[in-house]
Structures are given as C-alpha cells and as structure tokens.
C-alpha atoms as a PDB file:
ATOM      1  CA  MET A   1      18.022  34.184  40.024  1.00  0.00           C
ATOM      2  CA  THR A   2      21.717  34.778  39.281  1.00  0.00           C
ATOM      3  CA  LEU A   3      22.819  34.590  35.672  1.00  0.00           C
ATOM      4  CA  PRO A   4      26.436  34.085  34.553  1.00  0.00           C
ATOM      5  CA  HIS A   5      28.478  37.268  34.152  1.00  0.00           C
ATOM      6  CA  TYR A   6      30.396  35.711  31.262  1.00  0.00           C
ATOM      7  CA  VAL A   7      29.343  33.201  28.589  1.00  0.00           C
ATOM      8  CA  LYS A   8      31.651  31.337  26.259  1.00  0.00           C
ATOM      9  CA  VAL A   9      30.173  31.257  22.768  1.00  0.00           C
ATOM     10  CA  VAL A  10      31.605  28.456  20.640  1.00  0.00           C
ATOM     11  CA  GLU A  11      31.368  29.370  16.956  1.00  0.00           C
ATOM     12  CA  VAL A  12      30.493  26.243  14.951  1.00  0.00           C
ATOM     13  CA  GLY A  13      29.629  27.788  11.587  1.00  0.00           C
ATOM     14  CA  PRO A  14      32.786  26.771   9.689  1.00  0.00           C
ATOM     15  CA  ARG A  15      32.215  23.087  10.492  1.00  0.00           C
ATOM     16  CA  ASP A  16      28.710  22.296  11.681  1.00  0.00           C
ATOM     17  CA  GLY A  17      27.285  25.178   9.691  1.00  0.00           C
ATOM     18  CA  LEU A  18      28.886  24.469   6.329  1.00  0.00           C
ATOM     19  CA  GLN A  19      28.963  20.664   6.351  1.00  0.00           C
ATOM     20  CA  ASN A  20      25.424  20.386   4.976  1.00  0.00           C
ATOM     21  CA  GLU A  21      25.938  22.743   2.014  1.00  0.00           C
ATOM     22  CA  LYS A  22      25.477  20.757  -1.194  1.00  0.00           C
ATOM     23  CA  ALA A  23      27.584  23.038  -3.407  1.00  0.00           C
ATOM     24  CA  MET A  24      31.252  22.831  -2.477  1.00  0.00           C
ATOM     25  CA  VAL A  25      32.426  25.885  -0.564  1.00  0.00           C
ATOM     26  CA  PRO A  26      35.915  26.924  -1.752  1.00  0.00           C
ATOM     27  CA  THR A  27      38.704  26.406   0.754  1.00  0.00           C
ATOM     28  CA  GLU A  28      39.686  30.063   0.559  1.00  0.00           C
ATOM     29  CA  VAL A  29      36.150  31.079   1.590  1.00  0.00           C
ATOM     30  CA  LYS A  30      36.279  28.768   4.621  1.00  0.00           C
ATOM     31  CA  VAL A  31      39.675  30.159   5.593  1.00  0.00           C
ATOM     32  CA  ASP A  32      38.482  33.750   5.181  1.00  0.00           C
ATOM     33  CA  LEU A  33      35.401  33.021   7.304  1.00  0.00           C
ATOM     34  CA  ILE A  34      37.457  31.509  10.124  1.00  0.00           C
ATOM     35  CA  ASN A  35      39.886  34.431  10.048  1.00  0.00           C
ATOM     36  CA  ARG A  36      37.007  36.898  10.285  1.00  0.00           C
ATOM     37  CA  LEU A  37      35.548  34.987  13.234  1.00  0.00           C
ATOM     38  CA  SER A  38      38.948  34.865  14.931  1.00  0.00           C
ATOM     39  CA  ASP A  39      39.239  38.630  14.547  1.00  0.00           C
ATOM     40  CA  ALA A  40      35.796  39.002  16.150  1.00  0.00           C
ATOM     41  CA  GLY A  41      37.187  37.574  19.389  1.00  0.00           C
ATOM     42  CA  PHE A  42      35.861  34.017  19.710  1.00  0.00           C
ATOM     43  CA  VAL A  43      37.868  31.867  22.108  1.00  0.00           C
ATOM     44  CA  ASN A  44      36.706  28.624  20.481  1.00  0.00           C
ATOM     45  CA  ILE A  45      35.964  27.991  16.800  1.00  0.00           C
ATOM     46  CA  GLU A  46      34.948  24.628  15.355  1.00  0.00           C
ATOM     47  CA  ALA A  47      37.041  24.842  12.223  1.00  0.00           C
ATOM     48  CA  ALA A  48      37.071  21.512  10.393  1.00  0.00           C
ATOM     49  CA  SER A  49      36.153  17.861  10.364  1.00  0.00           C
ATOM     50  CA  PHE A  50      38.361  14.832   9.843  1.00  0.00           C
ATOM     51  CA  VAL A  51      35.615  12.423   8.857  1.00  0.00           C
ATOM     52  CA  SER A  52      35.640  10.347   5.673  1.00  0.00           C
ATOM     53  CA  PRO A  53      35.015  12.561   2.617  1.00  0.00           C
ATOM     54  CA  LYS A  54      32.773   9.751   1.398  1.00  0.00           C
ATOM     55  CA  TRP A  55      30.269  10.692   4.104  1.00  0.00           C
ATOM     56  CA  VAL A  56      30.860  14.456   4.344  1.00  0.00           C
ATOM     57  CA  PRO A  57      32.534  15.633   1.115  1.00  0.00           C
ATOM     58  CA  GLN A  58      32.190  19.287   2.120  1.00  0.00           C
ATOM     59  CA  MET A  59      34.792  18.735   4.863  1.00  0.00           C
ATOM     60  CA  ALA A  60      37.371  16.959   2.684  1.00  0.00           C
ATOM     61  CA  ASP A  61      39.697  20.003   2.741  1.00  0.00           C
ATOM     62  CA  GLY A  62      40.006  20.094   6.533  1.00  0.00           C
ATOM     63  CA  ALA A  63      43.791  19.715   6.577  1.00  0.00           C
ATOM     64  CA  ASP A  64      44.209  22.497   4.027  1.00  0.00           C
ATOM     65  CA  VAL A  65      41.871  24.788   5.957  1.00  0.00           C
ATOM     66  CA  MET A  66      43.741  24.209   9.203  1.00  0.00           C
ATOM     67  CA  ALA A  67      47.080  24.850   7.487  1.00  0.00           C
ATOM     68  CA  ARG A  68      45.975  28.166   6.009  1.00  0.00           C
ATOM     69  CA  ILE A  69      44.043  29.903   8.789  1.00  0.00           C
ATOM     70  CA  GLN A  70      45.626  32.726  10.760  1.00  0.00           C
ATOM     71  CA  ARG A  71      45.511  31.517  14.340  1.00  0.00           C
ATOM     72  CA  ARG A  72      44.623  34.037  16.994  1.00  0.00           C
ATOM     73  CA  PRO A  73      46.474  33.577  20.300  1.00  0.00           C
ATOM     74  CA  GLY A  74      44.030  32.416  22.953  1.00  0.00           C
ATOM     75  CA  THR A  75      41.587  30.830  20.496  1.00  0.00           C
ATOM     76  CA  LEU A  76      40.990  27.073  20.422  1.00  0.00           C
ATOM     77  CA  TYR A  77      40.532  25.621  16.940  1.00  0.00           C
ATOM     78  CA  SER A  78      38.491  22.431  17.235  1.00  0.00           C
ATOM     79  CA  VAL A  79      38.047  19.575  14.767  1.00  0.00           C
ATOM     80  CA  LEU A  80      35.663  16.626  14.619  1.00  0.00           C
ATOM     81  CA  THR A  81      37.429  13.267  14.973  1.00  0.00           C
ATOM     82  CA  PRO A  82      35.300  10.097  14.672  1.00  0.00           C
ATOM     83  CA  ASN A  83      38.152   7.566  14.834  1.00  0.00           C
ATOM     84  CA  MET A  84      41.922   7.157  15.097  1.00  0.00           C
ATOM     85  CA  LYS A  85      42.479   8.011  11.442  1.00  0.00           C
ATOM     86  CA  GLY A  86      40.636  11.271  12.032  1.00  0.00           C
ATOM     87  CA  PHE A  87      42.600  11.840  15.222  1.00  0.00           C
ATOM     88  CA  GLU A  88      45.905  11.415  13.385  1.00  0.00           C
ATOM     89  CA  GLY A  89      44.727  14.014  10.873  1.00  0.00           C
ATOM     90  CA  ALA A  90      43.796  16.341  13.701  1.00  0.00           C
ATOM     91  CA  VAL A  91      47.218  16.014  15.304  1.00  0.00           C
ATOM     92  CA  ALA A  92      48.956  16.611  11.984  1.00  0.00           C
ATOM     93  CA  ALA A  93      46.815  19.721  11.538  1.00  0.00           C
ATOM     94  CA  SER A  94      47.770  21.040  15.005  1.00  0.00           C
ATOM     95  CA  ALA A  95      44.196  21.086  16.287  1.00  0.00           C
ATOM     96  CA  ASP A  96      43.768  22.463  19.806  1.00  0.00           C
ATOM     97  CA  GLU A  97      40.738  20.352  20.623  1.00  0.00           C
ATOM     98  CA  VAL A  98      39.291  17.132  19.236  1.00  0.00           C
ATOM     99  CA  VAL A  99      35.577  16.498  19.255  1.00  0.00           C
ATOM    100  CA  ILE A 100      33.946  13.082  19.452  1.00  0.00           C
ATOM    101  CA  PHE A 101      30.237  12.729  18.825  1.00  0.00           C
ATOM    102  CA  GLY A 102      27.649  10.270  20.023  1.00  0.00           C
ATOM    103  CA  ALA A 103      23.881  10.263  20.370  1.00  0.00           C
ATOM    104  CA  ALA A 104      21.348   9.811  23.131  1.00  0.00           C
ATOM    105  CA  SER A 105      19.120   7.978  20.641  1.00  0.00           C
ATOM    106  CA  GLU A 106      19.926   4.446  19.497  1.00  0.00           C
ATOM    107  CA  ALA A 107      18.048   4.997  16.248  1.00  0.00           C
ATOM    108  CA  PHE A 108      19.998   8.158  15.436  1.00  0.00           C
ATOM    109  CA  SER A 109      23.301   6.519  16.374  1.00  0.00           C
ATOM    110  CA  GLN A 110      22.656   3.803  13.808  1.00  0.00           C
ATOM    111  CA  LYS A 111      21.705   6.320  11.103  1.00  0.00           C
ATOM    112  CA  ASN A 112      24.473   8.809  11.855  1.00  0.00           C
ATOM    113  CA  ILE A 113      27.505   6.618  12.585  1.00  0.00           C
ATOM    114  CA  ASN A 114      26.245   3.106  11.747  1.00  0.00           C
ATOM    115  CA  CYS A 115      26.621   1.605  15.198  1.00  0.00           C
ATOM    116  CA  SER A 116      24.938   1.389  18.574  1.00  0.00           C
ATOM    117  CA  ILE A 117      25.616   3.890  21.346  1.00  0.00           C
ATOM    118  CA  ALA A 118      27.715   1.331  23.226  1.00  0.00           C
ATOM    119  CA  GLU A 119      29.721   0.535  20.092  1.00  0.00           C
ATOM    120  CA  SER A 120      30.304   4.236  19.432  1.00  0.00           C
ATOM    121  CA  ILE A 121      31.783   4.681  22.907  1.00  0.00           C
ATOM    122  CA  GLU A 122      34.118   1.753  22.267  1.00  0.00           C
ATOM    123  CA  ARG A 123      35.249   3.399  19.021  1.00  0.00           C
ATOM    124  CA  PHE A 124      35.919   6.678  20.794  1.00  0.00           C
ATOM    125  CA  ALA A 125      37.898   5.132  23.660  1.00  0.00           C
ATOM    126  CA  PRO A 126      41.247   4.998  21.784  1.00  0.00           C
ATOM    127  CA  VAL A 127      40.693   8.527  20.440  1.00  0.00           C
ATOM    128  CA  ALA A 128      40.052   9.792  23.964  1.00  0.00           C
ATOM    129  CA  ALA A 129      43.107   8.005  25.339  1.00  0.00           C
ATOM    130  CA  ALA A 130      45.304   9.366  22.548  1.00  0.00           C
ATOM    131  CA  ALA A 131      44.008  12.896  23.081  1.00  0.00           C
ATOM    132  CA  LYS A 132      44.856  12.707  26.776  1.00  0.00           C
ATOM    133  CA  GLU A 133      48.308  11.338  25.992  1.00  0.00           C
ATOM    134  CA  LYS A 134      48.948  14.226  23.567  1.00  0.00           C
ATOM    135  CA  GLY A 135      47.622  16.802  26.022  1.00  0.00           C
ATOM    136  CA  LEU A 136      44.792  17.856  23.712  1.00  0.00           C
ATOM    137  CA  ARG A 137      41.433  19.056  24.946  1.00  0.00           C
ATOM    138  CA  LEU A 138      38.680  16.480  24.419  1.00  0.00           C
ATOM    139  CA  ARG A 139      35.083  17.505  23.848  1.00  0.00           C
ATOM    140  CA  ALA A 140      32.039  15.306  23.299  1.00  0.00           C
ATOM    141  CA  SER A 141      28.807  16.223  21.547  1.00  0.00           C
ATOM    142  CA  ILE A 142      25.652  14.282  22.381  1.00  0.00           C
ATOM    143  CA  SER A 143      23.153  14.502  19.534  1.00  0.00           C
ATOM    144  CA  CYS A 144      19.368  14.223  19.865  1.00  0.00           C
ATOM    145  CA  ALA A 145      19.401  14.975  23.593  1.00  0.00           C
ATOM    146  CA  LEU A 146      15.968  16.609  23.348  1.00  0.00           C
ATOM    147  CA  GLY A 147      14.367  14.471  20.641  1.00  0.00           C
ATOM    148  CA  CYS A 148      15.095  12.187  17.678  1.00  0.00           C
ATOM    149  CA  PRO A 149      13.771  12.279  14.085  1.00  0.00           C
ATOM    150  CA  TYR A 150      13.486   8.472  14.094  1.00  0.00           C
ATOM    151  CA  GLN A 151      12.387   7.406  17.572  1.00  0.00           C
ATOM    152  CA  GLY A 152      10.716  10.607  18.735  1.00  0.00           C
ATOM    153  CA  GLU A 153      11.053  11.324  22.453  1.00  0.00           C
ATOM    154  CA  VAL A 154      14.414  10.619  24.074  1.00  0.00           C
ATOM    155  CA  PRO A 155      14.232   9.730  27.799  1.00  0.00           C
ATOM    156  CA  VAL A 156      16.241  11.923  30.151  1.00  0.00           C
ATOM    157  CA  HIS A 157      17.931   8.846  31.600  1.00  0.00           C
ATOM    158  CA  ALA A 158      19.284   8.010  28.131  1.00  0.00           C
ATOM    159  CA  VAL A 159      20.994  11.418  27.950  1.00  0.00           C
ATOM    160  CA  VAL A 160      22.395  11.001  31.449  1.00  0.00           C
ATOM    161  CA  ASP A 161      23.740   7.564  30.541  1.00  0.00           C
ATOM    162  CA  VAL A 162      25.714   8.922  27.572  1.00  0.00           C
ATOM    163  CA  VAL A 163      27.016  11.840  29.652  1.00  0.00           C
ATOM    164  CA  ARG A 164      28.357   9.341  32.186  1.00  0.00           C
ATOM    165  CA  ARG A 165      30.057   7.345  29.421  1.00  0.00           C
ATOM    166  CA  MET A 166      31.636  10.464  27.902  1.00  0.00           C
ATOM    167  CA  ARG A 167      32.714  11.646  31.350  1.00  0.00           C
ATOM    168  CA  ASP A 168      34.419   8.329  31.966  1.00  0.00           C
ATOM    169  CA  LEU A 169      36.382   8.750  28.723  1.00  0.00           C
ATOM    170  CA  GLY A 170      37.910  11.898  30.227  1.00  0.00           C
ATOM    171  CA  CYS A 171      36.042  14.566  28.276  1.00  0.00           C
ATOM    172  CA  ASP A 172      36.848  18.133  29.271  1.00  0.00           C
ATOM    173  CA  GLU A 173      33.548  19.483  27.974  1.00  0.00           C
ATOM    174  CA  ILE A 174      30.242  17.883  26.951  1.00  0.00           C
ATOM    175  CA  ASP A 175      27.683  19.386  24.575  1.00  0.00           C
ATOM    176  CA  ILE A 176      23.978  18.704  25.066  1.00  0.00           C
ATOM    177  CA  ALA A 177      22.641  19.043  21.531  1.00  0.00           C
ATOM    178  CA  ASP A 178      19.077  19.569  20.347  1.00  0.00           C
ATOM    179  CA  THR A 179      19.883  18.327  16.853  1.00  0.00           C
ATOM    180  CA  ILE A 180      16.370  18.724  15.445  1.00  0.00           C
ATOM    181  CA  GLY A 181      15.356  21.774  17.458  1.00  0.00           C
ATOM    182  CA  VAL A 182      12.329  20.285  19.203  1.00  0.00           C
ATOM    183  CA  GLY A 183      13.312  21.162  22.773  1.00  0.00           C
ATOM    184  CA  THR A 184      11.324  23.587  24.905  1.00  0.00           C
ATOM    185  CA  PRO A 185      12.529  25.484  27.999  1.00  0.00           C
ATOM    186  CA  GLY A 186      10.995  23.210  30.637  1.00  0.00           C
ATOM    187  CA  ARG A 187      12.390  20.057  29.069  1.00  0.00           C
ATOM    188  CA  VAL A 188      15.759  21.709  28.536  1.00  0.00           C
ATOM    189  CA  GLN A 189      15.987  22.622  32.214  1.00  0.00           C
ATOM    190  CA  GLU A 190      14.998  19.086  33.217  1.00  0.00           C
ATOM    191  CA  VAL A 191      17.752  17.598  31.052  1.00  0.00           C
ATOM    192  CA  MET A 192      20.381  20.144  32.137  1.00  0.00           C
ATOM    193  CA  HIS A 193      19.610  19.581  35.828  1.00  0.00           C
ATOM    194  CA  ALA A 194      19.895  15.824  35.332  1.00  0.00           C
ATOM    195  CA  VAL A 195      23.203  15.856  33.469  1.00  0.00           C
ATOM    196  CA  ALA A 196      24.701  18.434  35.845  1.00  0.00           C
ATOM    197  CA  ALA A 197      24.380  15.805  38.581  1.00  0.00           C
ATOM    198  CA  GLU A 198      26.885  13.689  36.625  1.00  0.00           C
ATOM    199  CA  PHE A 199      29.265  16.283  35.121  1.00  0.00           C
ATOM    200  CA  PRO A 200      30.433  19.745  36.253  1.00  0.00           C
ATOM    201  CA  ILE A 201      27.883  22.313  35.127  1.00  0.00           C
ATOM    202  CA  ASP A 202      30.584  24.815  34.151  1.00  0.00           C
ATOM    203  CA  ARG A 203      31.839  22.315  31.554  1.00  0.00           C
ATOM    204  CA  LEU A 204      28.444  21.532  30.034  1.00  0.00           C
ATOM    205  CA  SER A 205      27.286  23.394  26.944  1.00  0.00           C
ATOM    206  CA  GLY A 206      24.040  23.907  25.083  1.00  0.00           C
ATOM    207  CA  HIS A 207      23.876  23.315  21.333  1.00  0.00           C
ATOM    208  CA  PHE A 208      20.460  24.343  20.016  1.00  0.00           C
ATOM    209  CA  HIS A 209      18.980  24.260  16.541  1.00  0.00           C
ATOM    210  CA  ASP A 210      16.150  26.665  15.802  1.00  0.00           C
ATOM    211  CA  THR A 211      13.765  24.458  13.816  1.00  0.00           C
ATOM    212  CA  TYR A 212      10.758  25.320  16.007  1.00  0.00           C
ATOM    213  CA  GLY A 213      11.943  28.807  16.962  1.00  0.00           C
ATOM    214  CA  GLN A 214      12.848  27.758  20.500  1.00  0.00           C
ATOM    215  CA  ALA A 215      16.633  28.140  20.498  1.00  0.00           C
ATOM    216  CA  LEU A 216      16.939  31.530  22.235  1.00  0.00           C
ATOM    217  CA  SER A 217      14.300  30.526  24.781  1.00  0.00           C
ATOM    218  CA  ASN A 218      16.223  27.327  25.428  1.00  0.00           C
ATOM    219  CA  ILE A 219      19.453  29.266  25.894  1.00  0.00           C
ATOM    220  CA  LEU A 220      17.752  31.531  28.427  1.00  0.00           C
ATOM    221  CA  ALA A 221      16.360  28.484  30.227  1.00  0.00           C
ATOM    222  CA  SER A 222      19.851  26.977  30.318  1.00  0.00           C
ATOM    223  CA  LEU A 223      21.350  30.207  31.660  1.00  0.00           C
ATOM    224  CA  GLN A 224      18.810  30.114  34.469  1.00  0.00           C
ATOM    225  CA  VAL A 225      20.110  26.731  35.653  1.00  0.00           C
ATOM    226  CA  GLY A 226      23.778  27.740  35.386  1.00  0.00           C
ATOM    227  CA  ILE A 227      24.931  26.740  31.911  1.00  0.00           C
ATOM    228  CA  SER A 228      27.496  29.253  30.616  1.00  0.00           C
ATOM    229  CA  ILE A 229      28.739  27.725  27.340  1.00  0.00           C
ATOM    230  CA  PHE A 230      26.681  27.795  24.142  1.00  0.00           C
ATOM    231  CA  HIS A 231      27.263  26.887  20.528  1.00  0.00           C
ATOM    232  CA  ALA A 232      26.079  29.110  17.709  1.00  0.00           C
ATOM    233  CA  SER A 233      26.569  29.400  13.983  1.00  0.00           C
ATOM    234  CA  VAL A 234      27.212  32.644  12.153  1.00  0.00           C
ATOM    235  CA  ALA A 235      24.240  33.633   9.942  1.00  0.00           C
ATOM    236  CA  GLY A 236      22.371  30.595  11.284  1.00  0.00           C
ATOM    237  CA  LEU A 237      24.254  28.240   8.969  1.00  0.00           C
ATOM    238  CA  GLY A 238      23.656  24.554   9.353  1.00  0.00           C
ATOM    239  CA  GLY A 239      21.345  21.596   9.403  1.00  0.00           C
ATOM    240  CA  CYS A 240      21.978  17.886   9.684  1.00  0.00           C
ATOM    241  CA  PRO A 241      22.203  15.414   6.775  1.00  0.00           C
ATOM    242  CA  TYR A 242      20.810  12.678   9.025  1.00  0.00           C
ATOM    243  CA  ALA A 243      17.937  14.707  10.499  1.00  0.00           C
ATOM    244  CA  LYS A 244      15.555  15.675   7.725  1.00  0.00           C
ATOM    245  CA  GLY A 245      13.833  19.002   8.273  1.00  0.00           C
ATOM    246  CA  ALA A 246      16.269  20.227  10.908  1.00  0.00           C
ATOM    247  CA  THR A 247      17.207  23.828  10.260  1.00  0.00           C
ATOM    248  CA  GLY A 248      20.435  25.545  11.123  1.00  0.00           C
ATOM    249  CA  ASN A 249      22.018  26.160  14.469  1.00  0.00           C
ATOM    250  CA  VAL A 250      20.869  29.210  16.358  1.00  0.00           C
ATOM    251  CA  ALA A 251      22.427  32.280  14.735  1.00  0.00           C
ATOM    252  CA  THR A 252      25.471  33.617  16.550  1.00  0.00           C
ATOM    253  CA  GLU A 253      24.405  37.218  15.940  1.00  0.00           C
ATOM    254  CA  ASP A 254      21.043  36.603  17.644  1.00  0.00           C
ATOM    255  CA  VAL A 255      22.685  34.920  20.644  1.00  0.00           C
ATOM    256  CA  LEU A 256      25.214  37.731  21.078  1.00  0.00           C
ATOM    257  CA  TYR A 257      22.535  40.415  20.819  1.00  0.00           C
ATOM    258  CA  MET A 258      20.484  38.710  23.535  1.00  0.00           C
ATOM    259  CA  LEU A 259      23.430  38.083  25.853  1.00  0.00           C
ATOM    260  CA  HIS A 260      24.883  41.561  25.487  1.00  0.00           C
ATOM    261  CA  GLY A 261      21.441  43.049  26.042  1.00  0.00           C
ATOM    262  CA  MET A 262      21.278  41.151  29.342  1.00  0.00           C
ATOM    263  CA  GLY A 263      24.623  42.566  30.428  1.00  0.00           C
ATOM    264  CA  ILE A 264      26.407  39.241  29.946  1.00  0.00           C
ATOM    265  CA  HIS A 265      29.946  39.504  28.587  1.00  0.00           C
ATOM    266  CA  THR A 266      31.197  37.303  25.735  1.00  0.00           C
ATOM    267  CA  GLY A 267      34.357  39.040  24.542  1.00  0.00           C
ATOM    268  CA  VAL A 268      32.991  38.881  20.986  1.00  0.00           C
ATOM    269  CA  ASP A 269      32.439  41.892  18.718  1.00  0.00           C
ATOM    270  CA  LEU A 270      28.861  41.684  17.416  1.00  0.00           C
ATOM    271  CA  GLU A 271      29.442  44.045  14.496  1.00  0.00           C
ATOM    272  CA  GLN A 272      32.321  41.951  13.187  1.00  0.00           C
ATOM    273  CA  VAL A 273      30.217  38.796  13.463  1.00  0.00           C
ATOM    274  CA  VAL A 274      27.363  40.453  11.547  1.00  0.00           C
ATOM    275  CA  ARG A 275      29.774  41.375   8.771  1.00  0.00           C
ATOM    276  CA  ALA A 276      31.204  37.831   8.770  1.00  0.00           C
ATOM    277  CA  GLY A 277      27.660  36.506   8.452  1.00  0.00           C
ATOM    278  CA  ASP A 278      27.010  38.793   5.504  1.00  0.00           C
ATOM    279  CA  PHE A 279      30.273  37.669   3.908  1.00  0.00           C
ATOM    280  CA  ILE A 280      29.527  33.938   4.128  1.00  0.00           C
ATOM    281  CA  SER A 281      25.876  34.329   3.109  1.00  0.00           C
ATOM    282  CA  GLN A 282      26.871  36.202  -0.038  1.00  0.00           C
ATOM    283  CA  SER A 283      29.791  33.857  -0.728  1.00  0.00           C
ATOM    284  CA  ILE A 284      27.632  30.721  -0.775  1.00  0.00           C
ATOM    285  CA  GLY A 285      24.515  32.381  -2.204  1.00  0.00           C
ATOM    286  CA  ARG A 286      22.082  31.650   0.600  1.00  0.00           C
ATOM    287  CA  ALA A 287      19.813  33.825   2.685  1.00  0.00           C
ATOM    288  CA  ASN A 288      21.170  35.121   5.974  1.00  0.00           C
ATOM    289  CA  SER A 289      19.126  33.374   8.679  1.00  0.00           C
ATOM    290  CA  SER A 290      20.088  35.764  11.477  1.00  0.00           C
ATOM    291  CA  ARG A 291      17.328  38.241  12.296  1.00  0.00           C
ATOM    292  CA  VAL A 292      19.769  40.458  14.167  1.00  0.00           C
ATOM    293  CA  GLY A 293      22.223  40.253  11.286  1.00  0.00           C
ATOM    294  CA  ARG A 294      19.603  41.263   8.727  1.00  0.00           C
ATOM    295  CA  ALA A 295      18.271  44.065  10.931  1.00  0.00           C
ATOM    296  CA  LEU A 296      21.682  45.590  11.595  1.00  0.00           C
ATOM    297  CA  LEU A 297      22.802  45.316   7.974  1.00  0.00           C
ATOM    298  CA  THR A 298      19.606  47.100   6.897  1.00  0.00           C
ATOM    299  CA  LYS A 299      20.114  49.765   9.563  1.00  0.00           C
ATOM    300  CA  TRP A 300      23.719  50.352   8.543  1.00  0.00           C
ATOM    301  CA  ALA A 301      22.825  50.524   4.867  1.00  0.00           C
ATOM    302  CA  ALA A 302      20.086  53.073   5.571  1.00  0.00           C
ATOM    303  CA  ALA A 303      22.475  55.178   7.649  1.00  0.00           C
ATOM    304  CA  ALA A 304      25.036  55.109   4.860  1.00  0.00           C
ATOM    305  CA  ASP A 305      22.428  56.184   2.295  1.00  0.00           C
ATOM    306  CA  ALA A 306      21.342  59.074   4.528  1.00  0.00           C
ATOM    307  CA  ALA A 307      24.880  60.367   5.081  1.00  0.00           C
ATOM    308  CA  PRO A 308      25.629  63.693   3.336  1.00  0.00           C
ATOM    309  CA  ALA A 309      27.781  63.437   0.243  1.00  0.00           C
ATOM    310  CA  CYS A 310      31.319  64.789   0.398  1.00  0.00           C
ATOM    311  CA  VAL A 311      32.095  67.847  -1.730  1.00  0.00           C
END
C-alpha cells in the first residue's frame, strides 16, 4: 500500500469552525487567528462566508475580515458563496477561491438551504460560470455524504450523482463531507472509490467531523485509497447549526500529528498550530478539543516550570 508523500491540509476553523459559535467573535480575533494560521504554513485557509447574516450572523463581518488579514504569498483564502450576491462580495473581497455547497441528502438540502438538490445546483450554476469567467478557483462541498440527521443512511449513488453535477459545473475541487461524523472506514472507502470514478482523485478531499470518534480512522482509510486533501479545524472548532448533535471538525493538530508521524509532509508547523488553537480557545472561552493540542501545551508548560531560574 502506497500512501501519499504530501497531503494538503485545508484549515477551515475561521469559517466552518467559528460559524456555530453563539457569542459573537470579535473581528480582530478572527483576523488574528487567520494570520496565525497563515504563519503556520497552510496553503489553503477557509477564511469567511458571504451568506446572509440573517442565517449565519457570526459571519456577517466577512468583508472586514478579508480586508484586514495579512495575506501570505502562496496561500489561498477561500470564502463560502451561496449565490450571486455572495459571489459579488467574494470578488470585492479579493477571495482566491469560492466555495459552493450542496448535499447528498434531499432532507438536509431542504433544511440547510431551503431547496432540493436539483434546485441548489441550478442556483450555483451562475456562480460557477462567474467564477470561471473571473479566473477564480471553484470548490464544492457535499454535505451528509456519509449520513444525514434527518433521513439517516445516504446511498452511495446519491453522493456520486451530486459529484457528477458539481463536476459538470466546472469545480476544481470537491469535498466529500461527513457532516454528522457517522462514517466508518469501510463506508468511507466505498464512497471514495465510487466518487473517484467520476472525478480526479487528486482533486477530491475528505471533510470529517469527529462526533463518533472516527475522523482520524476515516482519514487513514481515505489515504489508503489515494485521497491527499483533508479539511481540519484548529482546536477542533465547529459543528453544524442544521445537524443537531454534530461535534466539531477533526482537530487540525491531531491530523498533523498523525500525518507527520507517518512521514507524510504537509508544510505546516504543528507547534504554531497548537499555539493558534490555544489562542482561539482562550479568546472565545471554550475548551480546546484537540487531544494533541492539550497534550503538547501541558508538556510545554511542565518543561517551562522545570527550567532552572535565571540568577
């Protein structure tokens, strides 16, 4: 079995991670977090969302965030764009990549974006065309690819169908998302094999939530079938307002620790990510969900306490 030598880790904490926080996170904290993550070496950061503030008030300051971040050369700053109004905001904010989002579950599509899967694709068509015309990268996320909180099991053929539709819109990359974290390695491999028959495997990514503690196992299973792009959220931030009980995305620190331990390169500095995770956890007053982050912070604190005092 040959594993990838390099994996692209897409950091989604600033958008997907923070969007579900009920208390408003100050713009300056979001900007500081993104700058810290840029300094850590990520080549792709999901930075903001241009959805209606009525639906996701936490992301209402997206334009301000994008205007204030310090952009690292070589890093793509992605934004969520559900419609043409959102796309226009993304262009004005000089986004490098726009992200459209559908679902493999009809029930979830109705709950999340108030339309059927077919209708959602029709809505995204002008966004996709405009992105291509502007020369922007276009990415699609497919929610509930491994299970749905409303309909339960999602057939593999339903995931494949949405991948085909997103492919036909001209997407450069497609995310297979386990929104509620119910996937297990065997099912993940079945889905990844199926969608790879319709879209280049090197442009497919895994987006796993850790609700049932399966995210790292699912990443390993995906690596084994050739997937080399994964999403992760610093400090395990996240959840989904339309998927009750879903916990955060897999913690970036935990993913990096596993990948680096397997000799897989990411170009990301784990220590800087751990410190960024500590920063955001303290800033928003929530527990750090990364086991690796907590372990290393404890280890570093103990080492500092044991250091001899200067005289």
